[in-house]
Amino acid sequence: MAASRSWPIGALRGLSLSVKRPQRPARFWALCLGVLTSTLVIALLLMGSPHLPNLPSLSAPPTHAHRPDGPVVVDGMRVWEPPVMDPLVHGQRVSDAIKKKPTYPLLPFPPSPMANPPPDDRQRPWLGAVICSAWDVKRRMLIRYTWMKMFAGVPMDQRFVISNPGRAWTDVIRQENRTFGDMIVLDHLPEDDFTANTVKTIEFYRWLVEKSPRKYEFVSKMDTDLFVNARAMYDRQIAPRLARKFQADPARNASAAAVNETVHVPDYESRDAAALTATVNRTLIGQFYYDGYHNTSFPHGAIYTVTWDMVELLPRLQDEFHVIAGEDVTMAWLLMKGKQKVTMAILSESEKFEFDNRDRRPGDDSAWARNGTDTTSRSHALFGTDVLAVHQLKRDDDWLRVAECFDENGIKAMPPDPMNPLPENDDKPRYPRPFFTFIPDDFWEVDRDGAMLCNGVWKLEPGMGRDMKKTGD
């Protein structure tokens, strides 16, 4: 775009004439100078406007998000389209990054089944998948021996999702998978930062649809710096949206009502029992995020859980629309382009939050929050029994502090605050507001059924307001 800023001057070159003309009075040239100055100022203002004229020299995509002037409304509902821009992904322009080739050959990853898989005949309707780098062996071991081991009794499959590790790392990853049997290798993708933060999640969904030996009712995508209380996540978010579905015996000539009979279950069943199925569809469980640069709202990528029909839908939309942007922005833009709505079940800031070391109790090495903490903030330490997911645990000592607050039953009882005095140089927590509070007012509208709708895509559950609270709470 910087090169295009010369267009006003270039357009003025035609006024510099080489043929001789009669001399003009000074007033004439002063008038001309005023006109030219006004023209140049207007042109520069246009260059700074987000709504640039359609000129050949300005054909490159704008770097900042903008949408056409005025919303398009059909039958009383706004029609949303993704902003027109060249997305930015971890400091790289998509238009530049997609030109780069993999730095190593993407050879097929050899089969590496677990050497001695333990017997397990339980139904596992939930998949928890950690998206990670092939080379992050240390963090995978930390995760395996903390929350994954701690919550082994929860009816979920636990997996790590990596891209092609390259020839040098293939034997290492193969032996790792033969030992633990918990790795999904997307060997058609290079292991790099740009791929990991654009198409990797959707390509993981494609792998599930095309290659997974099991269909899951719910699939959670999570980051490596997120500790999940899987026991409570299942009990409070997954199980209430599951039911046991019975297949009618034709010999009994059962009624249609009996065919679809469902009974809610509190926990898991063996594979011999009636199948556990989701009672909701097109649903995502997570938290809102708003990115002002891309002018889009979408689920916070640290963790979100989708129903299986979402796993099937997103790769189909990608095949149709070919969106390349940040992974979670990509989801929002695909749904906009496909005119699809998704029910969003909201996790509160007391359930999912960023871990803030400054909110820990003074003089206490634990991860518990200090007296007076604010659990309505997006960043704080651990407090109470609501905790489902703790993000921003990039340091191993923070990870272990948090892990110490849990056991196989979920979060432990919070010990009393010793009320140690604050140090003189106390770095006080700032308790920033939740990300959803930054969503622009005009992103919200009321859907035809009365539910709140954001960005034309994210539909809140019945009774939920844009303050993420149930009516009457």
Foldseek 3Di string as FASTA:
>chain_A
DVVLVCVLVVVCVVVDDDDDDDDDDPVVVVVVVVVSVVSNVVSVVLVVDPDHDPDPSPPAWAAFFDDDPDFDADPRHTAFAFTTHQFAAPNDGPVVVVVDDFPADLDDQDDQAAQDDDDDQWAQQEEEEAEDEPPPVVLVVVLCPFQCVQQVVARYQYAYEYERNHDVCRVVSSVVCNHPVHYDYNSVDHRDRQCSFWCRVLVVLVCCVPPNPDQHFKYKYAYSQKDFQSLCCCQPPNQVQKWFADQDDVVVVDDPCNNGDTDRDRGIDGNVGGDIHGNDALEKEAAWAADNRRLDIFGDHRMMMHGSVLSVPLNVLCVVPVDTYGHGVSSRNSCSVVLAAGEYHYDALLAEAEEDPLQPAPPDLAQEGHPPDDSNFRYHTHDDQNYGMYGDNPDPSSVVRVSVQAGSNGGDDDDDRPCDDADPPRPHDDRHHGNLVPNDPVQWDADPVRFIGGSSYYTYDPQADSVRDGPPD
